[in-house]
């Protein structure tokens, strides 16, 4: 079963650093990252990267300029995400 996880946070909170480490763009000096109990350092790089996906962030200010019929969808999304950022 595939699981979708969202990583949200304020500017400078480490979101990009976490994703860089998960995709093994950078190697950590110590510690490990485990997904389903498996250390990602033991997974072949090509397999690891095929198993992960990134959806680029779009600022809410850009979403507010979306077509009118998508406006309510954007408002529902904002209502769910904004409490997580406080």
Foldseek 3Di string as FASTA:
>chain_A
DDDDDDDDEDPPPCPVVVVCPQLPVDDDPDDFDDDPNHTCVPPPNVVSVVNDDDDDDDDLVVVCPDDPVCNVVSVVVCVVCVVVHD
